[in-house]
N, C-alpha and C. Protein backbone atom coordinates (compact mmCIF):
# COMPACT_ATOMS: atom_id res chain seq x y z
N UNK A 1 -64.92 -129.07 -162.13
CA UNK A 1 -65.62 -129.31 -163.58
C UNK A 1 -67.13 -129.43 -162.98
N UNK A 2 -67.83 -129.17 -164.11
CA UNK A 2 -69.42 -129.13 -163.84
C UNK A 2 -69.77 -130.48 -163.82
N UNK A 3 -71.04 -130.91 -163.38
CA UNK A 3 -72.10 -132.18 -163.74
C UNK A 3 -72.76 -131.62 -164.75
N UNK A 4 -72.61 -132.06 -165.98
CA UNK A 4 -73.27 -131.60 -167.18
C UNK A 4 -74.76 -132.04 -167.09
N UNK A 5 -75.03 -133.04 -166.26
CA UNK A 5 -76.17 -133.42 -166.24
C UNK A 5 -77.33 -132.22 -165.43
N UNK A 6 -76.49 -131.47 -164.74
CA UNK A 6 -76.92 -130.46 -163.71
C UNK A 6 -77.04 -129.09 -164.51
N UNK A 7 -76.24 -128.88 -165.73
CA UNK A 7 -76.19 -127.69 -166.52
C UNK A 7 -74.75 -127.20 -166.50
N UNK A 8 -73.89 -127.42 -167.20
CA UNK A 8 -72.73 -126.76 -167.64
C UNK A 8 -72.85 -125.53 -168.27
N UNK A 9 -72.57 -124.56 -167.80
CA UNK A 9 -72.75 -123.21 -168.49
C UNK A 9 -72.11 -122.90 -169.70
N UNK A 10 -71.09 -123.93 -170.02
CA UNK A 10 -70.35 -123.90 -171.44
C UNK A 10 -70.87 -124.63 -172.43
N UNK A 11 -72.12 -125.24 -172.18
CA UNK A 11 -72.74 -126.25 -173.10
C UNK A 11 -74.15 -125.51 -173.36
N UNK A 12 -74.60 -125.29 -174.51
CA UNK A 12 -75.77 -124.79 -174.98
C UNK A 12 -76.89 -126.02 -175.62
N UNK A 13 -77.59 -126.35 -174.99
CA UNK A 13 -78.47 -127.62 -175.13
C UNK A 13 -79.58 -127.02 -175.96
N UNK A 14 -79.80 -127.36 -177.33
CA UNK A 14 -81.20 -127.20 -177.80
C UNK A 14 -82.36 -127.53 -177.07
N UNK A 15 -83.29 -126.80 -177.25
CA UNK A 15 -84.62 -127.30 -176.52
C UNK A 15 -84.91 -128.55 -176.82
N UNK A 16 -85.36 -129.23 -175.71
CA UNK A 16 -85.80 -130.56 -175.66
C UNK A 16 -84.69 -131.62 -175.71
N UNK A 17 -83.29 -131.15 -175.77
CA UNK A 17 -82.07 -132.05 -176.03
C UNK A 17 -81.33 -131.99 -174.67
N UNK A 18 -81.72 -131.59 -173.58
CA UNK A 18 -80.90 -131.35 -172.35
C UNK A 18 -80.65 -133.04 -171.98
N UNK A 19 -79.61 -133.41 -171.34
CA UNK A 19 -79.34 -134.57 -170.72
C UNK A 19 -80.22 -135.19 -170.02
N UNK A 20 -81.03 -134.64 -169.23
CA UNK A 20 -81.97 -135.22 -168.40
C UNK A 20 -83.20 -135.55 -169.33
N UNK A 21 -83.37 -135.18 -170.61
CA UNK A 21 -84.39 -135.45 -171.36
C UNK A 21 -84.04 -136.59 -172.10
N UNK A 22 -82.81 -136.89 -172.33
CA UNK A 22 -82.48 -138.03 -173.28
C UNK A 22 -82.55 -139.23 -172.85
N UNK A 23 -82.73 -140.21 -173.86
CA UNK A 23 -82.57 -141.57 -173.62
C UNK A 23 -81.43 -142.13 -173.10
N UNK A 24 -80.18 -141.59 -173.74
CA UNK A 24 -78.71 -141.78 -173.41
C UNK A 24 -77.98 -140.51 -173.63
N UNK A 25 -76.83 -140.33 -172.89
CA UNK A 25 -76.07 -139.30 -172.97
C UNK A 25 -74.71 -139.57 -172.90
N UNK A 26 -73.74 -138.87 -173.79
CA UNK A 26 -72.36 -139.06 -173.54
C UNK A 26 -71.78 -137.80 -173.63
N UNK A 27 -70.57 -137.44 -172.93
CA UNK A 27 -69.89 -136.19 -173.02
C UNK A 27 -68.53 -136.46 -172.78
N UNK A 28 -67.73 -135.61 -173.51
CA UNK A 28 -66.30 -135.90 -173.37
C UNK A 28 -65.54 -134.44 -173.23
N UNK A 29 -64.43 -134.41 -172.46
CA UNK A 29 -64.13 -133.12 -172.12
C UNK A 29 -62.50 -133.41 -171.79
N UNK A 30 -61.62 -132.55 -172.72
CA UNK A 30 -60.31 -132.53 -172.54
C UNK A 30 -59.60 -131.09 -172.90
N UNK A 31 -58.42 -131.01 -172.56
CA UNK A 31 -57.64 -129.88 -172.63
C UNK A 31 -56.50 -130.26 -173.75
N UNK A 32 -56.56 -129.45 -174.76
CA UNK A 32 -55.49 -129.83 -175.96
C UNK A 32 -54.63 -128.61 -176.03
N UNK A 33 -53.31 -128.88 -175.70
CA UNK A 33 -52.37 -127.73 -175.92
C UNK A 33 -51.84 -127.59 -177.40
N UNK A 34 -53.11 -126.97 -178.08
CA UNK A 34 -52.88 -126.63 -179.69
C UNK A 34 -53.59 -125.64 -179.94
N UNK A 35 -53.28 -124.79 -180.97
CA UNK A 35 -54.21 -123.75 -181.41
C UNK A 35 -55.58 -124.21 -181.80
N UNK A 36 -56.65 -123.51 -181.48
CA UNK A 36 -58.01 -123.62 -181.58
C UNK A 36 -58.21 -124.19 -183.10
N UNK A 37 -57.50 -123.64 -184.09
CA UNK A 37 -57.88 -123.56 -185.67
C UNK A 37 -57.41 -125.08 -185.91
N UNK A 38 -56.28 -125.75 -185.25
CA UNK A 38 -55.93 -127.02 -185.60
C UNK A 38 -56.66 -127.85 -184.97
N UNK A 39 -57.23 -127.76 -183.81
CA UNK A 39 -58.01 -128.72 -182.91
C UNK A 39 -59.23 -128.88 -183.80
N UNK A 40 -59.98 -127.83 -184.22
CA UNK A 40 -61.26 -127.56 -184.97
C UNK A 40 -61.21 -128.19 -186.56
N UNK A 41 -59.88 -128.22 -187.16
CA UNK A 41 -59.64 -128.96 -188.30
C UNK A 41 -59.66 -130.33 -188.14
N UNK A 42 -59.38 -130.82 -187.13
CA UNK A 42 -59.34 -132.43 -186.77
C UNK A 42 -60.66 -132.83 -186.46
N UNK A 43 -61.38 -131.88 -185.44
CA UNK A 43 -62.76 -132.43 -185.19
C UNK A 43 -63.56 -132.38 -186.41
N UNK A 44 -63.56 -131.23 -187.29
CA UNK A 44 -64.43 -131.33 -188.60
C UNK A 44 -64.05 -132.19 -189.62
N UNK A 45 -62.82 -132.94 -189.60
CA UNK A 45 -62.70 -134.14 -190.47
C UNK A 45 -63.34 -135.25 -189.86
N UNK A 46 -64.60 -135.30 -189.96
CA UNK A 46 -65.27 -136.48 -189.59
C UNK A 46 -64.80 -137.72 -190.18
N UNK A 47 -64.61 -137.64 -191.54
CA UNK A 47 -64.24 -138.99 -192.20
C UNK A 47 -62.71 -139.66 -191.37
N UNK A 48 -62.11 -138.86 -190.72
CA UNK A 48 -60.95 -139.52 -190.14
C UNK A 48 -61.18 -139.89 -188.76
N UNK A 49 -62.52 -139.86 -188.25
CA UNK A 49 -62.58 -140.06 -186.77
C UNK A 49 -62.39 -141.59 -186.43
N UNK A 50 -62.58 -142.60 -187.35
CA UNK A 50 -62.39 -144.09 -187.04
C UNK A 50 -60.89 -144.19 -186.95
N UNK A 51 -60.02 -143.23 -187.26
CA UNK A 51 -58.70 -143.57 -187.11
C UNK A 51 -58.13 -142.81 -185.67
N UNK A 52 -59.03 -142.12 -184.87
CA UNK A 52 -58.48 -141.71 -183.73
C UNK A 52 -59.55 -141.54 -182.67
N UNK A 53 -60.78 -141.68 -182.87
CA UNK A 53 -61.78 -141.80 -181.76
C UNK A 53 -62.03 -143.06 -181.32
N UNK A 54 -61.85 -143.49 -180.08
CA UNK A 54 -62.04 -144.84 -179.67
C UNK A 54 -63.53 -145.26 -179.92
N UNK A 55 -63.85 -146.35 -180.45
CA UNK A 55 -65.26 -147.13 -180.61
C UNK A 55 -65.62 -146.55 -182.13
N UNK A 56 -65.53 -145.44 -182.65
CA UNK A 56 -65.96 -145.10 -184.08
C UNK A 56 -65.45 -146.04 -185.01
N UNK A 57 -66.20 -146.97 -185.62
CA UNK A 57 -65.79 -147.76 -186.62
C UNK A 57 -66.02 -147.40 -187.99
N UNK A 58 -67.09 -146.58 -188.18
CA UNK A 58 -67.25 -146.31 -189.45
C UNK A 58 -68.01 -144.79 -189.75
N UNK A 59 -67.87 -143.84 -190.92
CA UNK A 59 -68.57 -142.94 -190.83
C UNK A 59 -69.28 -142.83 -192.25
N UNK A 60 -70.25 -142.34 -192.58
CA UNK A 60 -71.02 -142.10 -193.94
C UNK A 60 -71.49 -140.81 -193.94
N UNK A 61 -71.30 -140.01 -194.90
CA UNK A 61 -71.88 -138.53 -194.91
C UNK A 61 -73.17 -138.76 -195.62
N UNK A 62 -73.91 -137.60 -195.09
CA UNK A 62 -75.50 -137.68 -195.68
C UNK A 62 -75.71 -136.18 -196.31
N UNK A 63 -76.80 -136.21 -196.61
CA UNK A 63 -77.36 -135.00 -197.49
C UNK A 63 -78.60 -134.50 -196.48
N UNK A 64 -78.76 -133.29 -196.09
CA UNK A 64 -77.70 -132.10 -196.28
C UNK A 64 -76.41 -132.20 -195.66
N UNK A 65 -75.66 -131.20 -195.84
CA UNK A 65 -73.99 -131.44 -195.36
C UNK A 65 -74.01 -131.40 -194.06
N UNK A 66 -74.85 -130.82 -193.15
CA UNK A 66 -74.73 -131.03 -191.68
C UNK A 66 -75.30 -132.46 -191.05
N UNK A 67 -75.22 -133.46 -191.89
CA UNK A 67 -75.61 -134.82 -191.27
C UNK A 67 -74.75 -135.85 -191.73
N UNK A 68 -74.68 -136.84 -191.00
CA UNK A 68 -73.78 -137.99 -191.18
C UNK A 68 -74.21 -139.19 -190.19
N UNK A 69 -73.92 -140.46 -190.74
CA UNK A 69 -74.00 -141.73 -190.05
C UNK A 69 -72.78 -142.20 -189.38
N UNK A 70 -72.85 -142.59 -188.06
CA UNK A 70 -71.58 -142.98 -187.30
C UNK A 70 -71.88 -144.50 -186.72
N UNK A 71 -70.92 -145.01 -186.88
CA UNK A 71 -71.09 -146.53 -186.06
C UNK A 71 -70.18 -146.60 -185.11
N UNK A 72 -70.79 -146.97 -183.98
CA UNK A 72 -69.93 -147.08 -182.70
C UNK A 72 -70.15 -148.59 -182.49
N UNK A 73 -68.94 -149.26 -182.70
CA UNK A 73 -69.26 -150.97 -182.89
C UNK A 73 -70.12 -151.23 -183.90
N UNK A 74 -71.30 -151.94 -183.48
CA UNK A 74 -72.26 -152.34 -184.44
C UNK A 74 -73.63 -151.39 -184.21
N UNK A 75 -73.41 -150.52 -183.28
CA UNK A 75 -74.48 -149.23 -183.29
C UNK A 75 -74.54 -148.38 -184.29
N UNK A 76 -75.55 -147.92 -184.91
CA UNK A 76 -75.68 -146.79 -185.96
C UNK A 76 -76.37 -145.66 -185.48
N UNK A 77 -75.87 -144.49 -185.64
CA UNK A 77 -76.42 -143.18 -185.30
C UNK A 77 -76.73 -142.42 -186.39
N UNK A 78 -77.75 -141.67 -186.41
CA UNK A 78 -77.80 -140.55 -187.60
C UNK A 78 -77.66 -139.35 -186.60
N UNK A 79 -76.65 -138.69 -187.14
CA UNK A 79 -76.17 -137.32 -186.72
C UNK A 79 -76.46 -135.97 -187.28
N UNK A 80 -76.93 -135.15 -186.50
CA UNK A 80 -77.15 -133.87 -187.09
C UNK A 80 -76.32 -132.93 -186.25
N UNK A 81 -75.51 -131.89 -187.14
CA UNK A 81 -74.80 -131.03 -186.49
C UNK A 81 -75.65 -129.88 -186.11
N UNK A 82 -75.76 -129.46 -184.90
CA UNK A 82 -76.71 -128.41 -184.69
C UNK A 82 -76.08 -127.08 -184.22
N UNK A 83 -74.71 -127.27 -183.82
CA UNK A 83 -73.90 -125.99 -183.55
C UNK A 83 -72.64 -125.80 -184.00
N UNK A 84 -71.88 -124.93 -184.87
CA UNK A 84 -70.81 -124.99 -185.15
C UNK A 84 -70.30 -123.39 -185.03
N UNK A 85 -69.40 -123.01 -184.36
CA UNK A 85 -68.75 -121.78 -184.27
C UNK A 85 -67.35 -122.15 -184.33
N UNK A 86 -66.84 -121.42 -185.59
CA UNK A 86 -65.26 -121.70 -185.79
C UNK A 86 -64.44 -121.33 -184.74
N UNK A 87 -63.51 -122.45 -184.34
CA UNK A 87 -62.60 -122.31 -183.27
C UNK A 87 -63.20 -122.07 -181.96
N UNK A 88 -64.48 -122.42 -181.71
CA UNK A 88 -64.98 -122.18 -180.43
C UNK A 88 -65.75 -123.22 -180.00
N UNK A 89 -66.78 -123.75 -180.77
CA UNK A 89 -67.65 -124.68 -180.53
C UNK A 89 -68.36 -125.52 -181.59
N UNK A 90 -68.61 -126.77 -181.20
CA UNK A 90 -69.23 -127.83 -182.16
C UNK A 90 -70.08 -128.63 -181.29
N UNK A 91 -71.51 -128.78 -181.53
CA UNK A 91 -72.33 -129.60 -180.99
C UNK A 91 -73.13 -130.43 -181.93
N UNK A 92 -73.61 -131.55 -181.78
CA UNK A 92 -74.09 -132.50 -182.61
C UNK A 92 -75.13 -133.37 -181.84
N UNK A 93 -76.13 -133.91 -182.41
CA UNK A 93 -77.03 -134.89 -181.70
C UNK A 93 -77.03 -136.06 -182.51
N UNK A 94 -77.25 -137.24 -181.90
CA UNK A 94 -77.26 -138.58 -182.72
C UNK A 94 -78.36 -139.20 -182.14
N UNK A 95 -79.02 -139.81 -183.11
CA UNK A 95 -80.22 -140.73 -182.79
C UNK A 95 -79.93 -142.16 -183.44
N UNK A 96 -80.18 -143.10 -182.40
CA UNK A 96 -79.60 -144.49 -183.00
C UNK A 96 -80.25 -145.42 -182.05
């Protein structure tokens, strides 16, 4: 496993958003034994995150479509989806 702070080759950090430049950083990695289409369907169903993502209390969708608000406990984050490649990659940044 790579130390993402040092640059995991599988993560595409947008300019100015590398972990070393961020005020805070969170990364999760797991292996799921299911087809990518099923995994991505679950990840893209952001409205269901409070049911299965630990700590997510609430989600509210924004406009444009690639934005939403996310509450982790009492902390609110404005989220922008920056990368979405079907069945392969999903990346987003949160400010809060």
